[in-house]
């Protein structure tokens, strides 16, 4: 019998039936304690780059916290640059580094953060990585055990909360909105910016990699994604854990059948960025064809011996009210309640944060969520209660008072203009939000 880690749980897989059953626990046996309360293992085993060449310590930090750009430096130089060295020293000393704000904010709102998940997943490195750190914060050997490389902004959707940096589909809309664009051309690929050959770096790091996270753009329509899978297979690294954030619109691309490639790996976790249902989903993530996504959900639910399918909606102004319908629909599809991940709460752009609603609307959302919870039972009720408490915490946080009027002005301006550009209608799609749209309490 093999045991697979799946998020915060383990699953026992019977060799005879390939049936995954929950193995109830919340903590690893012999889990190692981090060296400080603020410690995060990520700066000892990971670097993260964007399509435009900007390099960060991880995908959770603000895009303002740039450590360098691959146009004029290399990953190895950034690995022991001043930023990374000070970050490691602060985390070892128990200091809250400013670039780690989002994780600590999530923890304050009862959401399990990327930091805590990383420490849990890679706890077998806790004992040696800290010891291998030099007094100045440098680490002599770069071993990237965790990969999250954003090669391209190539995407088949243009989500309301996104932009041209991470979606090629946004390019024309940005020109109409702002008379300028985030990028000079629609499709941005890091190979056009980087002075080093990142495929060579991948080849060098294959002996060390333990987990690869693919996100976008849309990773399932990127050649680089398939290059990595084929290289891992070529080197016999089927033990590497594959994790995805995908809009799930395409499971087949060019010559590749994604599910066939996935079948060669021992662990594949798909976090599907599907935020709502039917026409509402198509408004939030323009380019969605909900009928096609539903077929792909049905397909992956039939191959749970190959792929662990999870739903990871972005909780925000446009989606929070419909959460009960979303949850019920997914459960009716046959998705196990442990595969619902409702902790991805949007904080920016701020005009889509759910805390910008007027208080009366917040109360209606609150009431609807807890009325829905009262219809649930057992383990399902326990899991959804935990998420609803986190949503409630974010819902009632206060946006900056001096910005309230400006935030709503930005929301109205962008909503009206995008509706015009895309031929959509906010009020017809989200009639329950009319009190937010027409609010007068900020005058």
Protein backbone atom coordinates (compact mmCIF):
# COMPACT_ATOMS: atom_id res chain seq x y z
CA UNK A 1 0.00 0.00 0.00
CA UNK A 2 1.27 3.42 -0.90
CA UNK A 3 0.47 6.66 0.95
CA UNK A 4 0.13 9.88 -1.01
CA UNK A 5 0.19 13.36 0.45
CA UNK A 6 -2.72 15.46 -0.82
CA UNK A 7 -2.68 18.95 0.54
CA UNK A 8 -3.29 18.72 4.28
CA UNK A 9 -4.24 15.05 4.18
CA UNK A 10 -2.85 11.68 3.23
CA UNK A 11 -4.62 9.23 1.01
CA UNK A 12 -4.15 5.47 1.19
CA UNK A 13 -4.07 3.87 -2.23
CA UNK A 14 -4.83 0.19 -2.46
CA UNK A 15 -2.62 -1.55 -5.00
CA UNK A 16 -5.52 -3.85 -5.82
CA UNK A 17 -8.25 -1.30 -6.39
CA UNK A 18 -6.41 2.01 -6.94
CA UNK A 19 -9.11 3.49 -4.74
CA UNK A 20 -8.02 6.52 -2.74
CA UNK A 21 -9.55 6.75 0.72
CA UNK A 22 -9.02 9.53 3.24
CA UNK A 23 -6.36 8.69 5.77
CA UNK A 24 -7.50 10.88 8.62
CA UNK A 25 -4.81 13.04 10.15
CA UNK A 26 -3.65 16.63 10.14
CA UNK A 27 0.01 16.32 11.08
CA UNK A 28 2.94 14.24 9.92
CA UNK A 29 4.40 11.71 12.28
CA UNK A 30 7.76 13.08 13.46
CA UNK A 31 7.11 16.46 11.81
CA UNK A 32 10.19 18.57 12.36
CA UNK A 33 9.86 21.94 14.08
CA UNK A 34 11.07 24.98 12.08
CA UNK A 35 13.94 26.97 13.61
CA UNK A 36 11.71 30.03 14.30
CA UNK A 37 8.04 31.06 14.40
CA UNK A 38 8.36 33.08 11.18
CA UNK A 39 10.54 30.58 9.33
CA UNK A 40 9.75 29.53 5.76
CA UNK A 41 11.79 26.85 3.97
CA UNK A 42 11.11 28.30 0.50
CA UNK A 43 14.18 30.64 0.24
CA UNK A 44 16.40 27.59 0.74
CA UNK A 45 14.97 25.51 -2.12
CA UNK A 46 13.21 27.75 -4.63
CA UNK A 47 13.26 30.80 -6.90
CA UNK A 48 10.31 32.09 -8.88
CA UNK A 49 10.37 34.00 -12.17
CA UNK A 50 7.74 35.71 -14.30
CA UNK A 51 7.45 35.80 -18.10
CA UNK A 52 9.00 39.29 -18.18
CA UNK A 53 12.14 38.00 -16.42
CA UNK A 54 11.41 39.39 -12.94
CA UNK A 55 12.54 37.05 -10.16
CA UNK A 56 10.89 36.71 -6.75
CA UNK A 57 11.34 34.45 -3.75
CA UNK A 58 7.91 32.87 -4.37
CA UNK A 59 4.54 33.41 -6.06
CA UNK A 60 2.89 34.67 -2.85
CA UNK A 61 4.98 37.81 -2.42
CA UNK A 62 3.92 41.14 -3.92
CA UNK A 63 5.04 41.71 -7.51
CA UNK A 64 6.80 44.83 -6.18
CA UNK A 65 9.35 42.69 -4.33
CA UNK A 66 11.61 42.10 -7.34
CA UNK A 67 14.99 40.54 -6.54
CA UNK A 68 16.39 40.94 -10.04
CA UNK A 69 15.61 40.44 -13.69
CA UNK A 70 17.00 37.69 -15.91
CA UNK A 71 17.84 40.25 -18.60
CA UNK A 72 20.90 41.31 -16.62
CA UNK A 73 21.51 38.62 -14.03
CA UNK A 74 21.25 34.87 -13.54
CA UNK A 75 19.26 32.72 -11.15
CA UNK A 76 22.48 31.67 -9.41
CA UNK A 77 23.48 35.30 -8.84
CA UNK A 78 20.04 36.09 -7.40
CA UNK A 79 20.24 32.97 -5.22
CA UNK A 80 22.90 34.65 -3.09
CA UNK A 81 22.01 38.26 -3.78
CA UNK A 82 21.59 40.76 -0.95
CA UNK A 83 17.81 40.36 -0.91
CA UNK A 84 17.84 36.57 -0.50
CA UNK A 85 20.61 36.65 2.09
CA UNK A 86 18.78 39.13 4.31
CA UNK A 87 15.50 37.26 3.84
CA UNK A 88 17.07 34.02 5.09
CA UNK A 89 18.67 35.75 8.07
CA UNK A 90 15.40 37.41 9.07
CA UNK A 91 13.43 34.16 8.85
CA UNK A 92 16.03 32.30 10.92
CA UNK A 93 15.93 35.08 13.53
CA UNK A 94 12.12 34.99 13.83
CA UNK A 95 11.55 38.34 12.10
CA UNK A 96 8.57 38.97 9.83
CA UNK A 97 10.14 40.03 6.55
CA UNK A 98 8.06 42.61 4.66
CA UNK A 99 7.92 40.44 1.54
CA UNK A 100 6.11 37.68 3.48
CA UNK A 101 3.09 39.82 4.40
CA UNK A 102 0.45 37.79 2.56
CA UNK A 103 1.25 34.52 4.35
CA UNK A 104 1.06 36.16 7.77
CA UNK A 105 -2.19 37.88 6.73
CA UNK A 106 -3.66 34.52 5.72
CA UNK A 107 -2.63 32.99 9.03
CA UNK A 108 -4.24 35.89 10.90
CA UNK A 109 -7.49 35.07 9.04
CA UNK A 110 -7.40 31.35 9.88
CA UNK A 111 -6.18 30.24 6.44
CA UNK A 112 -3.35 27.76 6.13
CA UNK A 113 -0.65 29.75 4.39
CA UNK A 114 1.78 28.84 1.64
CA UNK A 115 4.56 29.22 4.24
CA UNK A 116 3.06 26.62 6.57
CA UNK A 117 2.27 24.25 3.71
CA UNK A 118 5.85 24.53 2.45
CA UNK A 119 7.33 23.85 5.89
CA UNK A 120 5.05 20.82 6.21
CA UNK A 121 5.77 19.45 2.73
CA UNK A 122 9.54 19.98 2.84
CA UNK A 123 10.11 19.38 6.55
CA UNK A 124 12.76 16.77 5.69
CA UNK A 125 14.96 19.71 4.64
CA UNK A 126 14.47 21.75 7.80
CA UNK A 127 17.37 20.18 9.69
CA UNK A 128 20.04 20.70 7.05
CA UNK A 129 19.11 23.86 5.14
CA UNK A 130 19.43 26.12 8.17
CA UNK A 131 22.73 24.49 9.12
CA UNK A 132 24.06 25.02 5.60
CA UNK A 133 23.38 28.77 5.78
CA UNK A 134 26.50 30.92 6.05
CA UNK A 135 26.72 33.79 8.54
CA UNK A 136 25.90 36.32 5.82
CA UNK A 137 22.74 34.41 4.77
CA UNK A 138 24.24 32.84 1.66
CA UNK A 139 23.88 29.16 0.75
CA UNK A 140 26.77 27.73 -1.22
CA UNK A 141 24.92 25.28 -3.46
CA UNK A 142 21.72 26.13 -5.32
CA UNK A 143 19.44 23.10 -5.24
CA UNK A 144 15.94 23.89 -6.45
CA UNK A 145 13.76 21.21 -4.87
CA UNK A 146 10.58 23.16 -5.65
CA UNK A 147 9.93 24.61 -9.14
CA UNK A 148 7.44 27.32 -10.04
CA UNK A 149 8.65 28.91 -13.26
CA UNK A 150 6.24 31.14 -15.16
CA UNK A 151 7.60 30.83 -18.69
CA UNK A 152 4.90 32.69 -20.56
CA UNK A 153 1.77 34.80 -20.17
CA UNK A 154 0.12 32.73 -22.92
CA UNK A 155 -3.50 32.25 -21.89
CA UNK A 156 -6.88 31.39 -23.36
CA UNK A 157 -8.82 33.56 -20.89
CA UNK A 158 -8.82 37.17 -19.71
CA UNK A 159 -10.08 37.06 -16.14
CA UNK A 160 -11.49 40.27 -14.67
CA UNK A 161 -8.90 40.31 -11.87
CA UNK A 162 -5.90 39.64 -14.14
CA UNK A 163 -3.94 41.73 -16.67
CA UNK A 164 -1.43 41.61 -19.49
CA UNK A 165 1.51 40.51 -17.33
CA UNK A 166 -0.06 37.07 -16.87
CA UNK A 167 -2.59 36.84 -19.70
CA UNK A 168 -1.86 37.41 -23.38
CA UNK A 169 -5.62 37.73 -23.99
CA UNK A 170 -5.71 40.99 -22.02
CA UNK A 171 -3.49 42.85 -24.49
CA UNK A 172 -6.18 44.38 -26.72
CA UNK A 173 -8.47 45.22 -23.78
CA UNK A 174 -5.63 47.03 -22.01
CA UNK A 175 -5.05 49.20 -25.08
CA UNK A 176 -8.74 50.15 -25.12
CA UNK A 177 -8.87 50.73 -21.36
CA UNK A 178 -5.66 52.62 -20.80
CA UNK A 179 -4.33 53.52 -24.27
CA UNK A 180 -1.27 51.52 -23.24
CA UNK A 181 -0.43 47.97 -22.30
CA UNK A 182 1.46 46.17 -19.55
CA UNK A 183 3.65 44.53 -22.20
CA UNK A 184 4.77 45.63 -25.67
CA UNK A 185 3.41 42.49 -27.30
CA UNK A 186 0.53 40.21 -26.38
CA UNK A 187 2.59 37.07 -25.73
CA UNK A 188 5.53 37.47 -23.39
CA UNK A 189 7.98 34.60 -22.99
CA UNK A 190 10.87 34.58 -20.56
CA UNK A 191 13.18 33.12 -23.21
CA UNK A 192 12.98 36.49 -25.00
CA UNK A 193 14.22 38.28 -21.87
CA UNK A 194 16.60 35.89 -20.14
CA UNK A 195 20.34 36.00 -20.71
CA UNK A 196 20.64 32.40 -19.54
CA UNK A 197 19.15 29.28 -21.09
CA UNK A 198 16.48 28.23 -18.61
CA UNK A 199 16.08 24.84 -20.27
CA UNK A 200 19.72 24.20 -19.41
CA UNK A 201 18.98 25.21 -15.82
CA UNK A 202 16.06 22.76 -15.77
CA UNK A 203 18.31 19.96 -17.01
CA UNK A 204 20.89 20.77 -14.30
CA UNK A 205 18.28 20.81 -11.53
CA UNK A 206 16.40 17.61 -12.44
CA UNK A 207 18.35 15.52 -9.86
CA UNK A 208 17.13 17.81 -7.05
CA UNK A 209 13.52 18.57 -7.93
CA UNK A 210 10.82 17.03 -5.73
CA UNK A 211 7.78 19.06 -6.69
CA UNK A 212 6.78 21.20 -9.70
CA UNK A 213 3.96 23.72 -9.59
CA UNK A 214 2.56 24.79 -12.97
CA UNK A 215 0.54 27.98 -13.33
CA UNK A 216 0.13 30.64 -15.91
CA UNK A 217 -0.97 32.18 -18.04
CA UNK A 218 -2.48 28.80 -18.72
CA UNK A 219 0.12 26.03 -18.30
CA UNK A 220 -1.71 23.36 -20.29
CA UNK A 221 -1.21 25.36 -23.51
CA UNK A 222 2.50 26.07 -22.98
CA UNK A 223 5.22 24.10 -24.78
CA UNK A 224 7.56 24.54 -21.78
CA UNK A 225 5.16 22.59 -19.57
CA UNK A 226 5.39 19.59 -21.87
CA UNK A 227 9.17 19.98 -22.16
CA UNK A 228 9.45 19.57 -18.39
CA UNK A 229 7.13 16.55 -18.27
CA UNK A 230 9.02 14.80 -21.07
CA UNK A 231 12.39 15.58 -19.45
CA UNK A 232 11.21 14.18 -16.10
CA UNK A 233 9.97 11.04 -17.81
CA UNK A 234 13.25 10.73 -19.78
CA UNK A 235 15.25 10.92 -16.52
CA UNK A 236 13.03 8.42 -14.71
CA UNK A 237 11.66 11.05 -12.31
CA UNK A 238 8.09 9.81 -12.14
CA UNK A 239 8.36 10.30 -8.36
CA UNK A 240 8.28 14.10 -8.76
CA UNK A 241 4.99 15.56 -7.51
CA UNK A 242 3.12 17.59 -10.10
CA UNK A 243 0.77 20.35 -8.96
CA UNK A 244 -1.30 22.59 -11.21
CA UNK A 245 -3.34 25.74 -11.20
CA UNK A 246 -5.31 25.57 -14.43
CA UNK A 247 -8.55 26.92 -15.87
CA UNK A 248 -9.19 23.37 -17.16
CA UNK A 249 -10.37 24.49 -20.60
CA UNK A 250 -7.87 22.26 -22.47
CA UNK A 251 -6.69 18.73 -21.68
CA UNK A 252 -5.26 18.16 -25.14
CA UNK A 253 -2.77 20.45 -26.84
CA UNK A 254 -0.87 20.01 -30.10
CA UNK A 255 0.60 16.48 -30.08
CA UNK A 256 0.11 15.98 -26.34
CA UNK A 257 -2.64 14.23 -24.41
CA UNK A 258 -2.17 15.64 -20.92
CA UNK A 259 -3.89 12.84 -19.03
CA UNK A 260 -1.71 10.23 -20.78
CA UNK A 261 1.43 12.06 -19.63
CA UNK A 262 0.03 12.41 -16.11
CA UNK A 263 -0.53 8.67 -15.93
CA UNK A 264 3.26 8.19 -15.87
CA UNK A 265 3.60 10.06 -12.54
CA UNK A 266 2.81 8.83 -9.06
CA UNK A 267 1.24 12.09 -7.86
CA UNK A 268 -0.68 14.69 -9.87
CA UNK A 269 -2.80 17.34 -8.17
CA UNK A 270 -4.94 19.69 -10.23
CA UNK A 271 -6.28 22.85 -8.61
CA UNK A 272 -8.93 24.07 -11.03
CA UNK A 273 -9.46 27.85 -11.12
CA UNK A 274 -13.19 27.70 -11.68
CA UNK A 275 -14.79 30.52 -9.72
CA UNK A 276 -18.49 30.21 -10.46
CA UNK A 277 -21.04 28.39 -12.62
CA UNK A 278 -22.31 28.83 -16.18
CA UNK A 279 -22.76 32.46 -17.36
CA UNK A 280 -21.33 33.88 -14.13
CA UNK A 281 -18.15 31.87 -14.63
CA UNK A 282 -17.92 33.15 -18.19
CA UNK A 283 -18.16 36.76 -16.98
CA UNK A 284 -15.50 36.44 -14.26
CA UNK A 285 -13.09 34.54 -16.50
CA UNK A 286 -13.77 35.73 -20.03
CA UNK A 287 -12.98 32.94 -22.48
CA UNK A 288 -14.56 30.29 -20.30
CA UNK A 289 -16.71 27.77 -22.14
CA UNK A 290 -18.45 26.22 -19.20
CA UNK A 291 -19.79 23.25 -21.14
CA UNK A 292 -16.23 22.29 -22.18
CA UNK A 293 -14.92 22.71 -18.64
CA UNK A 294 -17.75 20.59 -17.28
CA UNK A 295 -16.80 17.80 -19.70
CA UNK A 296 -13.18 18.01 -18.50
CA UNK A 297 -14.32 17.87 -14.86
CA UNK A 298 -16.33 14.75 -15.66
CA UNK A 299 -13.34 13.19 -17.43
CA UNK A 300 -10.92 13.80 -14.56
CA UNK A 301 -13.43 12.54 -11.99
CA UNK A 302 -13.34 9.24 -13.93
CA UNK A 303 -9.53 9.09 -13.60
CA UNK A 304 -9.03 9.70 -9.91
CA UNK A 305 -6.47 6.90 -9.86
CA UNK A 306 -4.32 9.17 -12.06
CA UNK A 307 -5.26 12.72 -11.09
CA UNK A 308 -6.46 14.28 -7.86
CA UNK A 309 -8.91 16.96 -9.01
CA UNK A 310 -9.53 19.90 -6.66
CA UNK A 311 -11.56 23.08 -7.04
CA UNK A 312 -9.79 26.29 -6.05
CA UNK A 313 -12.05 29.27 -6.78
CA UNK A 314 -10.84 32.81 -6.18
CA UNK A 315 -13.14 34.22 -3.49
CA UNK A 316 -13.92 37.86 -4.23
CA UNK A 317 -16.65 40.44 -4.67
CA UNK A 318 -18.10 38.76 -7.78
CA UNK A 319 -18.10 35.18 -6.48
CA UNK A 320 -18.68 35.14 -2.72
CA UNK A 321 -22.49 35.43 -2.88
CA UNK A 322 -22.83 32.35 -5.07
CA UNK A 323 -20.52 30.14 -2.97
CA UNK A 324 -23.38 27.93 -1.64
CA UNK A 325 -24.63 27.13 -5.16
CA UNK A 326 -21.06 26.50 -6.29
CA UNK A 327 -20.35 24.10 -3.42
CA UNK A 328 -23.60 22.18 -3.87
CA UNK A 329 -22.99 21.83 -7.63
CA UNK A 330 -19.47 20.50 -7.14
CA UNK A 331 -20.55 18.02 -4.45
CA UNK A 332 -23.41 16.83 -6.67
CA UNK A 333 -20.84 16.21 -9.40
CA UNK A 334 -19.16 13.71 -7.10
CA UNK A 335 -16.25 15.87 -5.95
CA UNK A 336 -15.14 14.81 -2.45
CA UNK A 337 -15.59 17.63 0.07
CA UNK A 338 -11.87 17.43 0.93
CA UNK A 339 -11.19 18.54 -2.65
CA UNK A 340 -12.91 21.89 -2.18
CA UNK A 341 -10.31 24.55 -1.41
CA UNK A 342 -11.95 27.84 -0.55
CA UNK A 343 -8.99 29.61 1.02
CA UNK A 344 -7.85 31.55 -2.06
CA UNK A 345 -9.24 34.95 -1.07
CA UNK A 346 -8.46 37.75 -3.50
CA UNK A 347 -6.86 40.82 -1.94
CA UNK A 348 -5.88 42.70 -5.11
CA UNK A 349 -6.89 44.48 -7.21
CA UNK A 350 -8.63 46.05 -4.23
CA UNK A 351 -11.82 46.97 -6.13
CA UNK A 352 -12.67 43.24 -6.28
CA UNK A 353 -12.01 42.58 -2.59
CA UNK A 354 -15.26 41.48 -0.95
CA UNK A 355 -14.63 43.80 2.01
CA UNK A 356 -15.52 46.76 -0.26
CA UNK A 357 -19.24 45.85 -0.16
CA UNK A 358 -21.62 48.03 1.85
CA UNK A 359 -22.39 46.58 5.29
CA UNK A 360 -26.01 45.64 4.47
CA UNK A 361 -24.80 43.52 1.57
CA UNK A 362 -22.12 41.91 3.73
CA UNK A 363 -24.84 40.93 6.20
CA UNK A 364 -26.86 39.30 3.41
CA UNK A 365 -23.80 37.37 2.25
CA UNK A 366 -23.09 36.31 5.82
CA UNK A 367 -26.65 35.13 6.34
CA UNK A 368 -26.71 33.20 3.07
CA UNK A 369 -23.44 31.38 3.82
CA UNK A 370 -24.50 30.30 7.30
CA UNK A 371 -28.01 29.33 6.18
CA UNK A 372 -26.31 27.10 3.64
CA UNK A 373 -24.01 25.67 6.28
CA UNK A 374 -27.06 24.68 8.35
CA UNK A 375 -28.14 22.35 5.51
CA UNK A 376 -24.86 20.41 5.63
CA UNK A 377 -23.94 17.55 7.95
CA UNK A 378 -20.96 15.61 9.24
CA UNK A 379 -17.49 16.07 7.77
CA UNK A 380 -18.85 18.23 4.94
CA UNK A 381 -20.31 20.69 7.43
CA UNK A 382 -17.07 20.75 9.43
CA UNK A 383 -14.94 21.54 6.37
CA UNK A 384 -17.27 24.20 4.99
CA UNK A 385 -17.61 25.81 8.44
CA UNK A 386 -13.84 26.25 8.59
CA UNK A 387 -13.80 27.94 5.18
CA UNK A 388 -16.86 30.10 5.89
CA UNK A 389 -15.20 31.40 9.05
CA UNK A 390 -12.17 32.45 6.99
CA UNK A 391 -14.37 34.09 4.36
CA UNK A 392 -16.27 35.89 7.13
CA UNK A 393 -13.01 37.18 8.59
CA UNK A 394 -11.96 38.70 5.25
CA UNK A 395 -15.47 39.97 4.52
CA UNK A 396 -15.52 42.15 7.63
CA UNK A 397 -12.00 43.55 7.42
CA UNK A 398 -11.98 47.25 6.69
CA UNK A 399 -10.51 48.66 3.47
CA UNK A 400 -8.46 51.81 4.01
CA UNK A 401 -11.03 54.47 4.93
CA UNK A 402 -9.28 57.18 2.93
CA UNK A 403 -9.48 54.92 -0.14
CA UNK A 404 -13.08 53.69 0.08
CA UNK A 405 -14.50 56.22 -2.34
CA UNK A 406 -11.57 55.84 -4.73
CA UNK A 407 -11.82 52.05 -4.70
CA UNK A 408 -15.49 52.18 -5.63
CA UNK A 409 -14.80 54.77 -8.32
CA UNK A 410 -12.17 52.44 -9.84
CA UNK A 411 -14.63 49.52 -9.66
CA UNK A 412 -17.37 51.44 -11.50
CA UNK A 413 -15.08 52.89 -14.14
CA UNK A 414 -13.44 49.57 -15.01
CA UNK A 415 -16.65 47.55 -14.81
CA UNK A 416 -18.56 49.87 -17.12
CA UNK A 417 -15.72 50.14 -19.63
CA UNK A 418 -14.99 46.40 -19.70
CA UNK A 419 -18.70 45.62 -20.07
CA UNK A 420 -18.71 47.93 -23.10
CA UNK A 421 -15.55 46.39 -24.59
CA UNK A 422 -16.62 42.79 -23.98
CA UNK A 423 -20.35 43.13 -24.63
CA UNK A 424 -21.26 42.09 -21.09
CA UNK A 425 -23.63 43.39 -18.40
CA UNK A 426 -22.60 43.38 -14.76
CA UNK A 427 -26.07 44.04 -13.33
CA UNK A 428 -27.73 41.31 -15.40
CA UNK A 429 -25.05 38.84 -14.35
CA UNK A 430 -24.89 39.83 -10.67
CA UNK A 431 -28.27 41.40 -9.76
CA UNK A 432 -27.61 40.68 -6.08
CA UNK A 433 -24.75 43.21 -6.19
CA UNK A 434 -26.85 46.17 -7.39
CA UNK A 435 -26.61 47.81 -3.94
CA UNK A 436 -22.84 47.81 -4.33
CA UNK A 437 -22.99 49.12 -7.87
CA UNK A 438 -25.36 51.98 -6.99
CA UNK A 439 -24.14 52.63 -3.44
CA UNK A 440 -24.49 56.19 -2.19
CA UNK A 441 -23.05 55.84 1.31
CA UNK A 442 -19.63 57.03 0.09
CA UNK A 443 -20.83 60.41 -1.17
